[in-house]
Protein backbone atom coordinates (compact mmCIF):
# COMPACT_ATOMS: atom_id res chain seq x y z
CA UNK A 1 0.00 0.00 0.00
CA UNK A 2 1.36 3.40 -1.02
CA UNK A 3 1.03 6.03 1.64
CA UNK A 4 -0.45 9.39 0.73
CA UNK A 5 2.24 11.83 -0.36
CA UNK A 6 4.90 9.18 -0.85
CA UNK A 7 4.90 9.65 -4.61
CA UNK A 8 5.93 13.30 -4.26
CA UNK A 9 8.30 12.89 -1.33
CA UNK A 10 12.02 13.63 -1.82
CA UNK A 11 14.02 10.46 -2.63
CA UNK A 12 17.54 10.26 -1.22
CA UNK A 13 20.23 9.27 -3.76
CA UNK A 14 21.84 5.83 -3.44
CA UNK A 15 24.86 5.56 -1.20
CA UNK A 16 28.05 6.63 -2.99
CA UNK A 17 26.22 8.56 -5.74
CA UNK A 18 27.27 12.20 -6.22
CA UNK A 19 24.84 14.71 -4.82
CA UNK A 20 22.92 16.76 -7.33
CA UNK A 21 24.03 20.39 -7.17
CA UNK A 22 21.39 22.81 -6.06
CA UNK A 23 21.07 25.87 -8.31
CA UNK A 24 20.49 29.01 -6.26
CA UNK A 25 17.64 31.26 -7.41
CA UNK A 26 18.64 34.05 -9.75
CA UNK A 27 18.76 37.48 -8.18
CA UNK A 28 16.79 40.23 -9.85
CA UNK A 29 19.05 42.59 -11.82
CA UNK A 30 19.92 45.70 -9.85
CA UNK A 31 18.47 48.88 -11.20
CA UNK A 32 20.79 51.77 -11.84
CA UNK A 33 19.93 54.76 -9.72
CA UNK A 34 19.49 57.96 -11.65
CA UNK A 35 19.70 56.37 -15.08
CA UNK A 36 22.34 57.57 -17.51
CA UNK A 37 23.01 60.85 -15.72
CA UNK A 38 23.45 58.96 -12.46
CA UNK A 39 26.35 56.96 -13.90
CA UNK A 40 29.94 58.13 -14.10
CA UNK A 41 29.91 57.85 -17.89
CA UNK A 42 26.78 60.00 -18.06
CA UNK A 43 28.32 62.74 -15.95
CA UNK A 44 31.53 62.60 -17.96
CA UNK A 45 29.39 63.08 -21.07
CA UNK A 46 27.77 66.12 -19.44
CA UNK A 47 31.23 67.53 -18.73
CA UNK A 48 32.32 66.91 -22.32
CA UNK A 49 29.25 68.53 -23.92
CA UNK A 50 29.18 71.56 -21.62
CA UNK A 51 32.94 71.90 -21.98
CA UNK A 52 32.60 71.99 -25.77
CA UNK A 53 29.96 74.74 -25.48
CA UNK A 54 32.27 76.80 -23.27
CA UNK A 55 35.25 76.31 -25.58
CA UNK A 56 33.24 77.51 -28.59
CA UNK A 57 32.20 80.57 -26.60
CA UNK A 58 35.81 81.30 -25.65
CA UNK A 59 36.94 81.11 -29.27
CA UNK A 60 34.22 83.50 -30.42
CA UNK A 61 34.84 85.86 -27.51
CA UNK A 62 38.58 85.93 -28.21
CA UNK A 63 38.06 86.76 -31.90
CA UNK A 64 35.70 89.58 -30.94
CA UNK A 65 38.16 91.02 -28.44
CA UNK A 66 40.89 91.17 -31.08
CA UNK A 67 38.79 93.70 -32.99
CA UNK A 68 40.07 96.25 -30.50
CA UNK A 69 43.25 96.42 -32.60
CA UNK A 70 41.13 97.71 -35.52
CA UNK A 71 40.00 100.76 -33.55
CA UNK A 72 37.08 101.99 -31.49
CA UNK A 73 34.52 101.87 -34.31
CA UNK A 74 35.24 98.22 -35.16
CA UNK A 75 35.12 97.12 -31.52
CA UNK A 76 31.91 99.04 -30.80
CA UNK A 77 30.28 97.60 -33.93
CA UNK A 78 31.14 94.13 -32.66
CA UNK A 79 29.54 94.94 -29.29
CA UNK A 80 26.44 96.27 -31.08
CA UNK A 81 26.22 93.13 -33.21
CA UNK A 82 26.08 90.98 -30.06
CA UNK A 83 22.98 92.86 -28.92
CA UNK A 84 21.25 92.92 -32.32
CA UNK A 85 21.87 89.32 -33.45
CA UNK A 86 18.87 87.92 -35.29
CA UNK A 87 17.40 91.32 -36.18
CA UNK A 88 14.89 92.12 -37.47
CA UNK A 89 13.40 88.72 -36.66
CA UNK A 90 14.43 89.02 -33.00
CA UNK A 91 14.17 92.15 -30.93
CA UNK A 92 17.06 93.88 -29.19
CA UNK A 93 19.24 91.59 -27.05
CA UNK A 94 16.96 88.51 -27.27
CA UNK A 95 19.58 86.31 -28.98
CA UNK A 96 22.30 87.49 -26.59
CA UNK A 97 20.09 86.67 -23.61
CA UNK A 98 19.54 83.16 -24.98
CA UNK A 99 23.30 82.73 -25.36
CA UNK A 100 23.85 83.95 -21.79
CA UNK A 101 21.26 81.52 -20.42
CA UNK A 102 22.83 78.62 -22.33
CA UNK A 103 26.27 79.57 -21.00
CA UNK A 104 24.96 79.83 -17.43
CA UNK A 105 23.30 76.41 -17.66
CA UNK A 106 26.47 74.94 -19.19
CA UNK A 107 28.61 76.34 -16.36
CA UNK A 108 26.26 75.02 -13.65
CA UNK A 109 26.05 71.56 -15.23
CA UNK A 110 29.81 71.49 -15.79
CA UNK A 111 30.49 72.30 -12.13
CA UNK A 112 27.85 69.82 -10.94
CA UNK A 113 29.34 66.99 -12.99
CA UNK A 114 32.88 67.82 -11.88
CA UNK A 115 32.00 68.02 -8.16
CA UNK A 116 29.89 64.87 -8.12
CA UNK A 117 32.51 62.87 -10.02
CA UNK A 118 35.21 64.03 -7.59
CA UNK A 119 33.08 63.03 -4.61
CA UNK A 120 32.31 59.66 -6.16
CA UNK A 121 36.01 59.03 -6.77
CA UNK A 122 36.74 59.97 -3.16
CA UNK A 123 34.15 57.53 -1.83
CA UNK A 124 35.51 54.76 -4.05
CA UNK A 125 39.00 55.28 -2.64
CA UNK A 126 38.58 56.57 0.94
CA UNK A 127 42.11 55.52 1.98
CA UNK A 128 44.96 57.47 0.46
CA UNK A 129 47.83 55.69 -1.20
CA UNK A 130 50.75 54.96 1.09
CA UNK A 131 53.19 56.27 -1.52
CA UNK A 132 52.67 59.18 -3.84
CA UNK A 133 52.12 58.17 -7.44
CA UNK A 134 53.57 60.40 -10.11
CA UNK A 135 50.67 60.98 -12.45
CA UNK A 136 48.74 63.83 -13.92
CA UNK A 137 45.81 63.09 -11.62
CA UNK A 138 47.98 63.55 -8.55
CA UNK A 139 49.94 66.50 -9.93
CA UNK A 140 49.10 70.06 -10.73
CA UNK A 141 45.90 69.11 -12.57
CA UNK A 142 43.96 68.27 -9.40
CA UNK A 143 44.83 71.60 -7.79
CA UNK A 144 44.15 73.43 -11.04
CA UNK A 145 40.70 71.92 -11.44
CA UNK A 146 39.76 72.47 -7.77
CA UNK A 147 41.23 75.81 -6.73
CA UNK A 148 41.64 77.13 -10.25
CA UNK A 149 37.90 76.68 -10.77
CA UNK A 150 37.20 79.02 -7.84
CA UNK A 151 39.61 81.63 -9.24
CA UNK A 152 38.01 81.34 -12.66
CA UNK A 153 34.56 81.85 -11.14
CA UNK A 154 35.69 84.98 -9.27
CA UNK A 155 37.39 86.23 -12.43
CA UNK A 156 34.22 85.79 -14.51
CA UNK A 157 32.12 87.65 -11.91
CA UNK A 158 34.54 90.59 -11.81
CA UNK A 159 34.87 90.58 -15.59
CA UNK A 160 31.10 90.96 -15.96
CA UNK A 161 30.91 93.71 -13.33
CA UNK A 162 33.78 95.54 -15.02
CA UNK A 163 33.35 95.33 -18.79
CA UNK A 164 29.73 94.20 -19.21
CA UNK A 165 27.77 95.95 -16.45
CA UNK A 166 30.34 98.67 -15.79
CA UNK A 167 29.69 99.11 -12.07
CA UNK A 168 33.41 98.77 -11.19
CA UNK A 169 34.70 100.37 -14.38
CA UNK A 170 35.98 103.98 -14.36
CA UNK A 171 34.02 104.75 -17.55
CA UNK A 172 30.81 103.43 -15.99
CA UNK A 173 27.74 102.09 -17.78
CA UNK A 174 27.51 105.24 -19.90
CA UNK A 175 30.85 104.61 -21.61
CA UNK A 176 31.09 102.78 -24.90
CA UNK A 177 32.46 99.21 -24.86
CA UNK A 178 35.78 100.49 -26.25
CA UNK A 179 35.98 103.22 -23.61
CA UNK A 180 35.32 100.70 -20.83
CA UNK A 181 38.01 98.41 -22.27
CA UNK A 182 40.65 101.16 -22.32
CA UNK A 183 39.64 102.49 -18.89
CA UNK A 184 39.73 99.03 -17.31
CA UNK A 185 43.29 98.18 -18.35
CA UNK A 186 44.81 101.63 -18.09
CA UNK A 187 48.44 101.71 -16.83
CA UNK A 188 47.42 103.09 -13.42
CA UNK A 189 45.11 100.13 -12.96
CA UNK A 190 47.90 97.57 -13.40
CA UNK A 191 46.45 95.39 -10.66
CA UNK A 192 43.34 94.79 -12.80
CA UNK A 193 45.55 93.63 -15.67
CA UNK A 194 47.52 91.41 -13.28
CA UNK A 195 44.31 89.82 -11.97
CA UNK A 196 43.11 89.38 -15.54
CA UNK A 197 46.37 87.61 -16.45
CA UNK A 198 46.05 85.23 -13.49
CA UNK A 199 42.42 84.49 -14.33
CA UNK A 200 43.10 83.84 -18.02
CA UNK A 201 46.08 81.60 -17.23
CA UNK A 202 43.89 79.58 -14.86
CA UNK A 203 41.29 79.28 -17.62
CA UNK A 204 44.02 77.99 -19.93
CA UNK A 205 45.26 75.39 -17.45
CA UNK A 206 41.69 74.32 -16.76
CA UNK A 207 41.02 74.07 -20.48
CA UNK A 208 44.19 72.10 -21.16
CA UNK A 209 43.35 69.48 -18.55
CA UNK A 210 39.71 69.40 -19.63
CA UNK A 211 40.55 68.81 -23.29
CA UNK A 212 43.07 66.12 -22.42
CA UNK A 213 40.63 64.37 -20.07
CA UNK A 214 37.91 64.45 -22.73
CA UNK A 215 40.26 62.86 -25.28
CA UNK A 216 41.17 60.15 -22.77
CA UNK A 217 37.51 59.51 -21.94
CA UNK A 218 36.71 59.09 -25.63
CA UNK A 219 39.57 56.61 -25.95
CA UNK A 220 41.38 58.71 -28.55
CA UNK A 221 44.52 59.47 -26.53
CA UNK A 222 46.20 56.10 -26.73
CA UNK A 223 49.12 54.55 -28.57
CA UNK A 224 50.74 56.76 -31.18
CA UNK A 225 48.10 59.49 -30.80
CA UNK A 226 48.97 60.05 -27.13
CA UNK A 227 51.69 62.66 -27.57
CA UNK A 228 50.22 64.52 -30.61
CA UNK A 229 46.82 64.92 -28.95
CA UNK A 230 48.38 66.01 -25.67
CA UNK A 231 50.38 68.61 -27.58
CA UNK A 232 47.23 69.69 -29.44
CA UNK A 233 45.35 70.23 -26.16
CA UNK A 234 48.23 72.36 -24.87
CA UNK A 235 48.41 74.30 -28.16
CA UNK A 236 44.69 75.14 -28.20
CA UNK A 237 44.90 76.33 -24.61
CA UNK A 238 48.01 78.42 -25.33
CA UNK A 239 46.38 80.11 -28.35
CA UNK A 240 43.33 81.07 -26.31
CA UNK A 241 45.42 82.36 -23.41
CA UNK A 242 47.59 84.51 -25.70
CA UNK A 243 44.56 85.71 -27.64
CA UNK A 244 42.85 86.92 -24.48
CA UNK A 245 45.98 88.45 -22.89
CA UNK A 246 47.27 90.40 -25.88
CA UNK A 247 44.43 92.96 -25.67
CA UNK A 248 44.78 94.05 -22.00
CA UNK A 249 48.57 94.09 -22.28
CA UNK A 250 48.33 96.23 -25.40
CA UNK A 251 46.07 98.67 -23.55
CA UNK A 252 48.40 98.82 -20.56
CA UNK A 253 51.48 99.62 -22.68
CA UNK A 254 49.63 102.16 -24.82
CA UNK A 255 49.31 100.28 -28.12
CA UNK A 256 45.51 100.39 -27.78
CA UNK A 257 44.32 103.77 -26.50
């Protein structure tokens, strides 16, 4: 007589037979918090895109500044063009305001991505290395990106108050853009030129490291392309630094007046 439930009861294997391995249940795949932007790759992409926007702005701004060598009329026409872009389709200063908003958003996102990536890297490696490693990450670049970013921010704020708004400029808001430029970097205001030089150099160092990091992230800076691309990042940064510095120095020594 077969007892109830005996047909479904577990049967022990014969003595000496290998035990059948038990397969553990599959764990549900972990969901990524925050999606693409929550990942390190997503935030690096944000840094790359916003960095490209800022670089394009710097190139255009540098070219416009160089018009000061063509005289007051050329420089003032350039300043007027910035405020009348898109006319007559767009009214006065609409396009420039859009550009300013895009730049502000790009700066905020760039800083957010940089800060959060740095914090994430710190949490991943809470214990410092026992010995210092000679690498770009542990060299000047870290200090440039951290403290240089603060200097750049202060420089941008003063630059806007001086040449754009005019509240700290001797020519004031009523002066023309060319008059504010000459008044700002006059020989007696050498300290303004010195601060401008420090700020622009910090921008260049920041840009050099940012371009090089972007090339590494994209996987382009490897093998034979390592040195040429590193040199290209340094060259682009140097051109921008010289392009921005030549105007205030020319004003200070009397070439532009």
